[in-house]
Protein backbone atom coordinates (compact mmCIF):
# COMPACT_ATOMS: atom_id res chain seq x y z
CA MET A 1 -22.64 -24.21 21.51
CA ILE A 2 -19.96 -21.54 21.21
CA LEU A 3 -19.52 -19.06 24.05
CA VAL A 4 -18.20 -15.62 23.07
CA PHE A 5 -16.80 -13.05 25.47
CA GLY A 6 -17.75 -9.71 23.97
CA ARG A 7 -20.97 -8.35 22.51
CA THR A 8 -20.49 -4.77 21.33
CA GLY A 9 -16.94 -4.81 19.96
CA GLN A 10 -16.17 -4.95 16.25
CA VAL A 11 -15.33 -8.66 16.07
CA ALA A 12 -18.06 -9.70 18.51
CA ARG A 13 -20.70 -7.93 16.42
CA GLU A 14 -19.49 -9.67 13.28
CA LEU A 15 -19.49 -13.00 15.11
CA ALA A 16 -23.12 -12.40 16.07
CA ARG A 17 -23.98 -12.00 12.38
CA LEU A 18 -22.14 -15.14 11.36
CA ALA A 19 -23.07 -17.32 14.34
CA PRO A 20 -26.36 -16.02 15.78
CA ASP A 21 -26.86 -19.20 17.79
CA ALA A 22 -23.73 -18.64 19.87
CA VAL A 23 -24.01 -17.13 23.36
CA TYR A 24 -22.56 -13.63 23.71
CA LEU A 25 -21.53 -12.24 27.07
CA GLY A 26 -21.42 -8.48 27.56
CA ARG A 27 -19.89 -6.70 30.53
CA ASP A 28 -23.12 -7.06 32.49
CA GLN A 29 -22.86 -10.86 32.26
CA ALA A 30 -19.10 -11.31 32.52
CA ASP A 31 -16.97 -8.62 34.13
CA LEU A 32 -13.66 -8.77 32.26
CA SER A 33 -11.94 -7.11 35.21
CA ASP A 34 -12.91 -10.13 37.36
CA PRO A 35 -11.04 -13.26 36.16
CA GLU A 36 -13.02 -15.62 38.38
CA ALA A 37 -16.32 -14.28 37.05
CA CYS A 38 -15.12 -15.12 33.53
CA ALA A 39 -14.19 -18.65 34.57
CA ALA A 40 -17.54 -19.06 36.31
CA ALA A 41 -19.38 -17.98 33.15
CA ILE A 42 -17.67 -20.74 31.20
CA ARG A 43 -18.59 -23.33 33.84
CA ALA A 44 -22.19 -22.14 33.84
CA HIS A 45 -22.65 -22.48 30.06
CA SER A 46 -20.66 -25.68 29.38
CA PRO A 47 -19.82 -24.65 25.80
CA HIS A 48 -18.18 -26.73 23.07
CA ALA A 49 -15.73 -23.89 22.37
CA VAL A 50 -14.95 -20.41 23.70
CA ILE A 51 -13.90 -17.31 21.73
CA ASN A 52 -12.55 -14.30 23.56
CA ALA A 53 -13.40 -11.26 21.42
CA ALA A 54 -13.27 -8.81 24.35
CA ALA A 55 -10.32 -6.67 25.35
CA TYR A 56 -9.15 -3.36 26.74
CA THR A 57 -8.24 -1.67 23.44
CA ALA A 58 -7.86 2.03 24.37
CA VAL A 59 -4.15 2.09 23.58
CA ASP A 60 -3.38 5.59 24.89
CA ARG A 61 -5.66 5.42 27.93
CA ALA A 62 -4.02 2.14 28.93
CA GLU A 63 -0.87 4.09 29.80
CA GLU A 64 -2.81 5.55 32.74
CA GLN A 65 -4.91 2.47 33.54
CA GLU A 66 -2.37 -0.33 33.46
CA ALA A 67 -3.86 -2.26 36.37
CA LEU A 68 -7.30 -2.41 34.74
CA ALA A 69 -5.83 -3.28 31.34
CA ALA A 70 -3.77 -6.05 32.97
CA TYR A 71 -6.89 -7.65 34.43
CA ILE A 72 -8.92 -7.42 31.21
CA ASN A 73 -6.14 -8.31 28.75
CA GLY A 74 -3.99 -10.49 30.96
CA ALA A 75 -5.55 -12.14 34.00
CA SER A 76 -9.03 -12.78 32.61
CA PRO A 77 -7.96 -14.51 29.37
CA ALA A 78 -5.65 -16.69 31.47
CA ALA A 79 -8.57 -17.63 33.73
CA MET A 80 -10.74 -18.37 30.70
CA ALA A 81 -8.03 -20.59 29.24
CA ARG A 82 -7.58 -22.51 32.50
CA GLU A 83 -11.31 -23.18 32.71
CA CYS A 84 -11.42 -24.29 29.08
CA ALA A 85 -8.49 -26.62 29.74
CA ALA A 86 -10.29 -28.09 32.74
CA LEU A 87 -13.39 -28.71 30.60
CA SER A 88 -11.36 -29.92 27.59
CA VAL A 89 -12.86 -27.35 25.22
CA PRO A 90 -10.94 -25.23 22.65
CA PHE A 91 -10.21 -21.60 23.43
CA VAL A 92 -9.66 -19.01 20.67
CA HIS A 93 -8.11 -15.76 21.86
CA ILE A 94 -7.58 -12.61 19.76
CA SER A 95 -4.30 -10.79 20.26
CA THR A 96 -2.37 -8.04 18.52
CA ASP A 97 0.67 -6.92 16.55
CA TYR A 98 1.44 -4.62 19.49
CA VAL A 99 3.23 -7.48 21.25
CA PHE A 100 6.17 -6.70 18.90
CA ASP A 101 8.50 -3.69 18.93
CA GLY A 102 7.92 -2.79 15.28
CA ALA A 103 11.60 -2.85 14.38
CA GLY A 104 12.81 -3.50 10.85
CA THR A 105 10.71 -4.08 7.75
CA ALA A 106 10.32 -7.86 7.67
CA PRO A 107 6.95 -9.38 8.62
CA PHE A 108 6.88 -10.75 12.16
CA ALA A 109 6.48 -14.53 12.33
CA PRO A 110 4.40 -16.05 15.16
CA ASP A 111 7.55 -17.29 16.92
CA HIS A 112 9.43 -13.98 16.67
CA PRO A 113 10.58 -12.65 20.09
CA THR A 114 8.06 -10.25 21.60
CA ALA A 115 8.98 -6.80 22.91
CA PRO A 116 5.92 -4.58 23.39
CA LEU A 117 6.44 -0.82 23.40
CA GLY A 118 3.60 0.14 25.75
CA THR A 119 1.01 -0.93 28.29
CA TYR A 120 -1.52 -2.25 25.79
CA GLY A 121 1.02 -4.54 24.16
CA ARG A 122 2.43 -5.66 27.53
CA THR A 123 -0.99 -6.58 28.89
CA LYS A 124 -1.97 -8.41 25.70
CA LEU A 125 1.29 -10.34 25.94
CA MET A 126 0.40 -11.25 29.53
CA GLY A 127 -2.84 -12.72 28.20
CA GLU A 128 -1.00 -14.76 25.59
CA GLN A 129 1.39 -16.14 28.17
CA GLY A 130 -1.49 -17.07 30.47
CA VAL A 131 -3.36 -18.83 27.67
CA ARG A 132 -0.32 -20.93 26.79
CA ALA A 133 0.44 -21.71 30.43
CA ALA A 134 -3.08 -23.08 30.93
CA GLY A 135 -2.04 -26.06 28.82
CA GLY A 136 -5.36 -26.56 27.03
CA VAL A 137 -6.35 -26.66 23.37
CA HIS A 138 -6.08 -23.09 22.14
CA ALA A 139 -5.35 -20.70 19.29
CA ILE A 140 -3.94 -17.24 19.83
CA LEU A 141 -4.84 -15.18 16.76
CA ARG A 142 -2.78 -12.01 16.43
CA THR A 143 -4.30 -9.42 14.14
CA SER A 144 -3.91 -5.74 13.28
CA TRP A 145 -5.65 -2.52 12.25
CA VAL A 146 -9.20 -3.85 12.69
CA PHE A 147 -12.01 -2.05 10.88
CA SER A 148 -15.75 -2.48 10.33
CA SER A 149 -18.93 -0.47 9.81
CA HIS A 150 -19.41 -0.02 13.55
CA GLY A 151 -17.50 0.91 16.65
CA SER A 152 -14.48 3.15 16.87
CA ASN A 153 -12.02 2.51 14.05
CA PHE A 154 -9.84 4.25 11.46
CA VAL A 155 -12.31 3.93 8.58
CA ARG A 156 -15.14 5.64 10.43
CA THR A 157 -12.79 8.35 11.73
CA MET A 158 -11.43 9.07 8.25
CA LEU A 159 -14.94 9.22 6.76
CA ARG A 160 -16.02 11.74 9.39
CA LEU A 161 -12.93 13.93 9.04
CA GLY A 162 -12.82 13.57 5.25
CA ALA A 163 -16.33 14.97 5.00
CA GLU A 164 -15.34 17.98 7.13
CA ARG A 165 -11.90 18.91 5.75
CA ASP A 166 -10.12 19.40 2.44
CA VAL A 167 -6.77 18.04 3.66
CA LEU A 168 -5.78 15.49 6.30
CA ARG A 169 -2.24 14.80 7.52
CA VAL A 170 -1.86 11.04 8.12
CA VAL A 171 1.06 8.96 9.35
CA ALA A 172 2.88 7.26 6.47
CA ASP A 173 5.79 5.48 8.21
CA GLN A 174 3.72 2.92 10.11
CA ILE A 175 3.16 -0.10 7.87
CA GLY A 176 0.73 -2.95 8.48
CA GLY A 177 -2.27 -4.88 7.28
CA PRO A 178 -5.76 -3.41 7.73
CA THR A 179 -8.04 -6.30 8.71
CA PRO A 180 -11.83 -6.50 8.29
CA ALA A 181 -13.52 -7.50 11.55
CA ARG A 182 -15.82 -9.81 9.60
CA ALA A 183 -12.84 -11.77 8.28
CA ILE A 184 -11.44 -12.09 11.81
CA ALA A 185 -14.81 -13.35 13.06
CA GLN A 186 -14.99 -15.97 10.30
CA ALA A 187 -11.42 -17.06 11.04
CA CYS A 188 -12.24 -17.47 14.74
CA LEU A 189 -15.21 -19.71 13.92
CA THR A 190 -13.20 -21.77 11.45
CA ILE A 191 -10.37 -22.22 13.94
CA ALA A 192 -12.68 -23.08 16.84
CA GLN A 193 -14.30 -25.81 14.76
CA ALA A 194 -10.96 -27.15 13.55
CA LEU A 195 -9.54 -27.34 17.07
CA GLN A 196 -12.45 -29.50 18.21
CA ALA A 197 -11.48 -32.11 15.60
CA SER A 198 -7.70 -31.50 15.59
CA PRO A 199 -6.44 -30.30 18.99
CA GLU A 200 -2.85 -30.75 17.81
CA LYS A 201 -3.30 -27.55 15.77
CA SER A 202 -3.08 -25.51 18.99
CA GLY A 203 -0.69 -22.59 18.75
CA THR A 204 -0.15 -18.96 17.82
CA TYR A 205 -1.20 -17.67 14.41
CA HIS A 206 -1.13 -14.36 12.55
CA PHE A 207 -4.08 -12.96 10.59
CA SER A 208 -3.93 -9.57 8.90
CA GLY A 209 -5.28 -8.04 5.72
CA ALA A 210 -3.32 -7.86 2.48
CA PRO A 211 -1.52 -6.09 0.99
CA ASP A 212 0.46 -4.25 3.64
CA THR A 213 0.12 -0.48 3.46
CA SER A 214 0.59 2.68 5.52
CA TRP A 215 -2.11 4.51 7.42
CA ALA A 216 -1.84 7.24 4.79
CA GLY A 217 -2.27 4.70 1.99
CA PHE A 218 -5.26 3.22 3.77
CA ALA A 219 -6.72 6.72 4.20
CA ARG A 220 -6.39 7.42 0.47
CA ALA A 221 -8.23 4.20 -0.32
CA ILE A 222 -11.00 5.18 2.09
CA MET A 223 -11.41 8.63 0.50
CA ALA A 224 -11.43 7.17 -3.01
CA GLY A 225 -13.90 4.46 -2.10
CA ALA A 226 -16.23 6.94 -0.44
CA GLY A 227 -15.93 9.52 -3.20
CA LEU A 228 -14.60 12.16 -0.81
CA ASP A 229 -12.48 14.98 -2.24
CA CYS A 230 -10.06 15.12 0.68
CA ARG A 231 -6.30 15.17 0.04
CA ILE A 232 -4.10 12.99 2.26
CA ASP A 233 -0.67 14.44 3.09
CA ASP A 234 1.99 12.07 4.43
CA ILE A 235 3.56 12.79 7.80
CA ALA A 236 6.00 10.94 10.05
CA THR A 237 4.99 9.35 13.33
CA SER A 238 7.22 11.92 15.07
CA GLU A 239 4.88 14.66 13.81
CA TYR A 240 1.86 13.05 15.47
CA PRO A 241 2.87 12.32 19.10
CA THR A 242 0.60 10.08 21.20
CA PRO A 243 0.80 8.96 24.85
CA ALA A 244 1.52 5.37 23.74
CA LYS A 245 4.29 4.59 21.29
CA ARG A 246 3.08 2.76 18.15
CA PRO A 247 5.12 0.14 16.28
CA LEU A 248 6.40 1.38 12.91
CA ASN A 249 6.38 -2.13 11.47
CA SER A 250 3.12 -4.01 12.01
CA ARG A 251 3.63 -6.48 9.15
CA LEU A 252 2.58 -10.00 10.18
CA GLU A 253 3.79 -13.22 8.54
CA CYS A 254 0.57 -15.19 8.05
CA SER A 255 1.56 -18.32 6.12
CA SER A 256 0.68 -20.68 8.99
CA LEU A 257 -2.99 -19.83 8.39
CA SER A 258 -2.88 -22.60 5.78
CA THR A 259 -3.16 -24.98 8.76
CA PHE A 260 -6.84 -24.02 8.83
CA GLY A 261 -7.28 -23.50 5.09
CA LEU A 262 -7.27 -19.73 5.58
CA ASP A 263 -5.63 -16.95 3.56
CA ARG A 264 -4.98 -13.31 4.35
CA PRO A 265 -8.16 -11.35 3.59
CA ASP A 266 -8.16 -8.66 0.89
CA TRP A 267 -8.68 -5.46 2.87
CA GLY A 268 -9.70 -3.58 -0.27
CA GLN A 269 -12.66 -5.89 -0.75
CA GLY A 270 -13.45 -5.63 2.96
CA LEU A 271 -13.32 -1.84 2.74
CA THR A 272 -15.76 -1.83 -0.18
CA GLU A 273 -18.18 -3.98 1.82
CA VAL A 274 -17.90 -1.71 4.86
CA LEU A 275 -18.43 1.46 2.79
CA ASN A 276 -21.47 -0.05 1.10
CA GLU A 277 -22.86 -1.06 4.46
CA LEU A 278 -22.35 2.44 5.86
CA LYS A 279 -24.11 3.94 2.83
CA GLY A 280 -27.05 1.67 3.52
CA MET A 281 -27.15 2.82 7.13
CA SER A 282 -27.12 6.54 6.31
């Protein structure tokens, strides 16, 4: 049995579709701000593997709620990892490109030095460090620009605004890989299974959609795919200030995914699937 922390987030909802027999813990069953409660939930269920698909992801709000973000993104994943290590079960933890500073144009390799720009990235890095320190079988899966047919994400925002406006100004100097939540969910399941048989594959991996693009390029693909007549005008990050600083370079070097027989997902195909699903829901 696989135990999943998270129930309503984008990846957790896709996991529930792919692995309906797994056990999913929402906030009412596992308070992510209480590390010991998370560890206790693992002890109570005695799973064969644990996937942490829950996180504090409100990047701007985190600047004002650092203590809470540090518990959810840092202390609780560390407690989960320690409990998994004690029970000798694999732990798969989702992390983020925000642990890097976004400098340069080269893709960040898993072993590249980290230097987060804001609270969200710092607290996610705390979680990574805690998972490694636990000493158990684990995989830290860094991903970026997650999208799906549900939850709060760039695709849904662009569809809403594109239906209301003729022109949208979108940041064009942040470059990264949009990643379908369903592909992340499948990767988590594949990795969890592989770690049970091959614990030596523990480590940090990168998983992002291909090819790399800008937010503006992604927005144009969304408008075209949805048949919306909304023009996208490029702007610089400096023209769209936010409380939290975003990395300009979110490219991730993903070649080590071959360890698990995985490739970077095609975000264009994922976008088509999401748009078709949204049409079916309307």
